[in-house]
Amino acid sequence: MSISRNLLFLIIGALVVTAGVLGYNLYQEKKQPDGVQINVGPNGLKIQGK
């Protein structure tokens, strides 16, 4: 009985950690500033609107 309870707690903990990591990644993606990105490289000048 205690083995299945420990396994249940382990699974719930893993789901909580996964949800936290996915939430943090989504927050970082939304936090990026709006505007224009200008890249100068070997293929020339590239301007991207965000």
PDB file of N, CA and C in Angstrom:
ATOM      1  N   MET A   1       0.821  -1.188   0.000  1.00  0.00           N
ATOM      2  CA  MET A   1       0.000   0.000   0.000  1.00  0.00           C
ATOM      3  C   MET A   1       0.868   1.256   0.000  1.00  0.00           C
ATOM      4  N   SER A   2       1.949   1.258   0.794  1.00  0.00           N
ATOM      5  CA  SER A   2       2.789   2.462   0.877  1.00  0.00           C
ATOM      6  C   SER A   2       3.601   2.666  -0.405  1.00  0.00           C
ATOM      7  N   ILE A   3       3.900   1.582  -1.108  1.00  0.00           N
ATOM      8  CA  ILE A   3       4.642   1.723  -2.362  1.00  0.00           C
ATOM      9  C   ILE A   3       3.781   2.439  -3.395  1.00  0.00           C
ATOM     10  N   SER A   4       2.513   2.067  -3.496  1.00  0.00           N
ATOM     11  CA  SER A   4       1.635   2.716  -4.463  1.00  0.00           C
ATOM     12  C   SER A   4       1.371   4.166  -4.070  1.00  0.00           C
ATOM     13  N   ARG A   5       1.313   4.458  -2.781  1.00  0.00           N
ATOM     14  CA  ARG A   5       1.122   5.834  -2.318  1.00  0.00           C
ATOM     15  C   ARG A   5       2.364   6.673  -2.652  1.00  0.00           C
ATOM     16  N   ASN A   6       3.541   6.109  -2.442  1.00  0.00           N
ATOM     17  CA  ASN A   6       4.776   6.827  -2.777  1.00  0.00           C
ATOM     18  C   ASN A   6       4.874   7.070  -4.279  1.00  0.00           C
ATOM     19  N   LEU A   7       4.467   6.089  -5.065  1.00  0.00           N
ATOM     20  CA  LEU A   7       4.477   6.245  -6.517  1.00  0.00           C
ATOM     21  C   LEU A   7       3.503   7.339  -6.948  1.00  0.00           C
ATOM     22  N   LEU A   8       2.340   7.390  -6.305  1.00  0.00           N
ATOM     23  CA  LEU A   8       1.359   8.429  -6.609  1.00  0.00           C
ATOM     24  C   LEU A   8       1.928   9.809  -6.293  1.00  0.00           C
ATOM     25  N   PHE A   9       2.583   9.961  -5.140  1.00  0.00           N
ATOM     26  CA  PHE A   9       3.203  11.237  -4.792  1.00  0.00           C
ATOM     27  C   PHE A   9       4.311  11.603  -5.769  1.00  0.00           C
ATOM     28  N   LEU A  10       5.061  10.633  -6.220  1.00  0.00           N
ATOM     29  CA  LEU A  10       6.128  10.881  -7.193  1.00  0.00           C
ATOM     30  C   LEU A  10       5.553  11.368  -8.521  1.00  0.00           C
ATOM     31  N   ILE A  11       4.482  10.748  -8.971  1.00  0.00           N
ATOM     32  CA  ILE A  11       3.854  11.149 -10.230  1.00  0.00           C
ATOM     33  C   ILE A  11       3.266  12.554 -10.113  1.00  0.00           C
ATOM     34  N   ILE A  12       2.591  12.836  -8.996  1.00  0.00           N
ATOM     35  CA  ILE A  12       2.021  14.172  -8.794  1.00  0.00           C
ATOM     36  C   ILE A  12       3.125  15.213  -8.730  1.00  0.00           C
ATOM     37  N   GLY A  13       4.215  14.911  -8.059  1.00  0.00           N
ATOM     38  CA  GLY A  13       5.343  15.836  -7.988  1.00  0.00           C
ATOM     39  C   GLY A  13       5.950  16.106  -9.354  1.00  0.00           C
ATOM     40  N   ALA A  14       6.083  15.060 -10.159  1.00  0.00           N
ATOM     41  CA  ALA A  14       6.636  15.230 -11.504  1.00  0.00           C
ATOM     42  C   ALA A  14       5.709  16.089 -12.362  1.00  0.00           C
ATOM     43  N   LEU A  15       4.402  15.907 -12.227  1.00  0.00           N
ATOM     44  CA  LEU A  15       3.450  16.729 -12.977  1.00  0.00           C
ATOM     45  C   LEU A  15       3.504  18.189 -12.537  1.00  0.00           C
ATOM     46  N   VAL A  16       3.658  18.436 -11.251  1.00  0.00           N
ATOM     47  CA  VAL A  16       3.756  19.811 -10.748  1.00  0.00           C
ATOM     48  C   VAL A  16       5.022  20.482 -11.274  1.00  0.00           C
ATOM     49  N   VAL A  17       6.133  19.767 -11.256  1.00  0.00           N
ATOM     50  CA  VAL A  17       7.385  20.330 -11.769  1.00  0.00           C
ATOM     51  C   VAL A  17       7.278  20.606 -13.264  1.00  0.00           C
ATOM     52  N   THR A  18       6.686  19.687 -14.017  1.00  0.00           N
ATOM     53  CA  THR A  18       6.507  19.874 -15.456  1.00  0.00           C
ATOM     54  C   THR A  18       5.627  21.079 -15.751  1.00  0.00           C
ATOM     55  N   ALA A  19       4.540  21.225 -15.010  1.00  0.00           N
ATOM     56  CA  ALA A  19       3.658  22.381 -15.209  1.00  0.00           C
ATOM     57  C   ALA A  19       4.392  23.676 -14.876  1.00  0.00           C
ATOM     58  N   GLY A  20       5.213  23.662 -13.858  1.00  0.00           N
ATOM     59  CA  GLY A  20       5.982  24.856 -13.499  1.00  0.00           C
ATOM     60  C   GLY A  20       6.978  25.236 -14.573  1.00  0.00           C
ATOM     61  N   VAL A  21       7.678  24.267 -15.111  1.00  0.00           N
ATOM     62  CA  VAL A  21       8.664  24.541 -16.167  1.00  0.00           C
ATOM     63  C   VAL A  21       7.973  25.063 -17.424  1.00  0.00           C
ATOM     64  N   LEU A  22       6.870  24.450 -17.815  1.00  0.00           N
ATOM     65  CA  LEU A  22       6.141  24.909 -19.001  1.00  0.00           C
ATOM     66  C   LEU A  22       5.577  26.312 -18.792  1.00  0.00           C
ATOM     67  N   GLY A  23       5.082  26.599 -17.611  1.00  0.00           N
ATOM     68  CA  GLY A  23       4.578  27.931 -17.301  1.00  0.00           C
ATOM     69  C   GLY A  23       5.668  28.978 -17.347  1.00  0.00           C
ATOM     70  N   TYR A  24       6.837  28.639 -16.813  1.00  0.00           N
ATOM     71  CA  TYR A  24       7.964  29.573 -16.843  1.00  0.00           C
ATOM     72  C   TYR A  24       8.415  29.840 -18.279  1.00  0.00           C
ATOM     73  N   ASN A  25       8.482  28.805 -19.105  1.00  0.00           N
ATOM     74  CA  ASN A  25       8.872  28.989 -20.507  1.00  0.00           C
ATOM     75  C   ASN A  25       7.870  29.859 -21.249  1.00  0.00           C
ATOM     76  N   LEU A  26       6.586  29.663 -20.997  1.00  0.00           N
ATOM     77  CA  LEU A  26       5.556  30.484 -21.622  1.00  0.00           C
ATOM     78  C   LEU A  26       5.683  31.937 -21.166  1.00  0.00           C
ATOM     79  N   TYR A  27       5.962  32.143 -19.889  1.00  0.00           N
ATOM     80  CA  TYR A  27       6.156  33.497 -19.363  1.00  0.00           C
ATOM     81  C   TYR A  27       7.346  34.175 -20.032  1.00  0.00           C
ATOM     82  N   GLN A  28       8.452  33.468 -20.188  1.00  0.00           N
ATOM     83  CA  GLN A  28       9.635  34.041 -20.833  1.00  0.00           C
ATOM     84  C   GLN A  28       9.358  34.391 -22.286  1.00  0.00           C
ATOM     85  N   GLU A  29       8.587  33.577 -22.964  1.00  0.00           N
ATOM     86  CA  GLU A  29       8.251  33.831 -24.371  1.00  0.00           C
ATOM     87  C   GLU A  29       7.395  35.085 -24.498  1.00  0.00           C
ATOM     88  N   LYS A  30       6.440  35.261 -23.597  1.00  0.00           N
ATOM     89  CA  LYS A  30       5.555  36.428 -23.642  1.00  0.00           C
ATOM     90  C   LYS A  30       6.276  37.694 -23.203  1.00  0.00           C
ATOM     91  N   LYS A  31       7.329  37.556 -22.403  1.00  0.00           N
ATOM     92  CA  LYS A  31       8.032  38.703 -21.832  1.00  0.00           C
ATOM     93  C   LYS A  31       8.948  39.399 -22.836  1.00  0.00           C
ATOM     94  N   GLN A  32       9.260  38.744 -23.934  1.00  0.00           N
ATOM     95  CA  GLN A  32      10.170  39.337 -24.907  1.00  0.00           C
ATOM     96  C   GLN A  32       9.569  40.631 -25.436  1.00  0.00           C
ATOM     97  N   PRO A  33      10.383  41.678 -25.561  1.00  0.00           N
ATOM     98  CA  PRO A  33       9.854  42.984 -25.954  1.00  0.00           C
ATOM     99  C   PRO A  33       9.354  43.007 -27.394  1.00  0.00           C
ATOM    100  N   ASP A  34       8.328  43.814 -27.610  1.00  0.00           N
ATOM    101  CA  ASP A  34       7.827  44.035 -28.957  1.00  0.00           C
ATOM    102  C   ASP A  34       8.721  45.051 -29.661  1.00  0.00           C
ATOM    103  N   GLY A  35       8.734  45.014 -30.965  1.00  0.00           N
ATOM    104  CA  GLY A  35       9.525  45.984 -31.708  1.00  0.00           C
ATOM    105  C   GLY A  35      10.095  45.378 -32.964  1.00  0.00           C
ATOM    106  N   VAL A  36      11.240  45.890 -33.352  1.00  0.00           N
ATOM    107  CA  VAL A  36      11.887  45.489 -34.590  1.00  0.00           C
ATOM    108  C   VAL A  36      13.242  44.884 -34.258  1.00  0.00           C
ATOM    109  N   GLN A  37      13.553  43.794 -34.927  1.00  0.00           N
ATOM    110  CA  GLN A  37      14.856  43.154 -34.767  1.00  0.00           C
ATOM    111  C   GLN A  37      15.628  43.319 -36.066  1.00  0.00           C
ATOM    112  N   ILE A  38      16.858  43.850 -35.969  1.00  0.00           N
ATOM    113  CA  ILE A  38      17.695  44.076 -37.145  1.00  0.00           C
ATOM    114  C   ILE A  38      18.926  43.179 -37.036  1.00  0.00           C
ATOM    115  N   ASN A  39      19.145  42.337 -38.041  1.00  0.00           N
ATOM    116  CA  ASN A  39      20.297  41.438 -38.074  1.00  0.00           C
ATOM    117  C   ASN A  39      21.142  41.765 -39.292  1.00  0.00           C
ATOM    118  N   VAL A  40      22.456  41.850 -39.074  1.00  0.00           N
ATOM    119  CA  VAL A  40      23.395  42.045 -40.176  1.00  0.00           C
ATOM    120  C   VAL A  40      24.284  40.811 -40.209  1.00  0.00           C
ATOM    121  N   GLY A  41      24.240  40.104 -41.335  1.00  0.00           N
ATOM    122  CA  GLY A  41      25.024  38.883 -41.441  1.00  0.00           C
ATOM    123  C   GLY A  41      25.613  38.741 -42.825  1.00  0.00           C
ATOM    124  N   PRO A  42      26.145  37.575 -43.109  1.00  0.00           N
ATOM    125  CA  PRO A  42      26.779  37.352 -44.413  1.00  0.00           C
ATOM    126  C   PRO A  42      25.783  37.436 -45.573  1.00  0.00           C
ATOM    127  N   ASN A  43      24.510  37.240 -45.316  1.00  0.00           N
ATOM    128  CA  ASN A  43      23.506  37.327 -46.373  1.00  0.00           C
ATOM    129  C   ASN A  43      22.922  38.723 -46.515  1.00  0.00           C
ATOM    130  N   GLY A  44      23.431  39.663 -45.751  1.00  0.00           N
ATOM    131  CA  GLY A  44      22.965  41.051 -45.856  1.00  0.00           C
ATOM    132  C   GLY A  44      22.165  41.465 -44.644  1.00  0.00           C
ATOM    133  N   LEU A  45      21.346  42.464 -44.831  1.00  0.00           N
ATOM    134  CA  LEU A  45      20.557  43.057 -43.749  1.00  0.00           C
ATOM    135  C   LEU A  45      19.181  42.395 -43.698  1.00  0.00           C
ATOM    136  N   LYS A  46      18.749  42.017 -42.486  1.00  0.00           N
ATOM    137  CA  LYS A  46      17.437  41.397 -42.301  1.00  0.00           C
ATOM    138  C   LYS A  46      16.713  42.167 -41.201  1.00  0.00           C
ATOM    139  N   ILE A  47      15.508  42.647 -41.503  1.00  0.00           N
ATOM    140  CA  ILE A  47      14.695  43.368 -40.532  1.00  0.00           C
ATOM    141  C   ILE A  47      13.408  42.570 -40.306  1.00  0.00           C
ATOM    142  N   GLN A  48      13.133  42.272 -39.028  1.00  0.00           N
ATOM    143  CA  GLN A  48      11.949  41.489 -38.689  1.00  0.00           C
ATOM    144  C   GLN A  48      11.132  42.283 -37.682  1.00  0.00           C
ATOM    145  N   GLY A  49       9.837  42.385 -37.942  1.00  0.00           N
ATOM    146  CA  GLY A  49       8.926  42.967 -36.964  1.00  0.00           C
ATOM    147  C   GLY A  49       8.464  41.914 -35.997  1.00  0.00           C
ATOM    148  N   LYS A  50       8.318  42.272 -34.743  1.00  0.00           N
ATOM    149  CA  LYS A  50       7.875  41.301 -33.735  1.00  0.00           C
ATOM    150  C   LYS A  50       6.452  41.580 -33.355  1.00  0.00           C
TER     151      LYS A  50
END
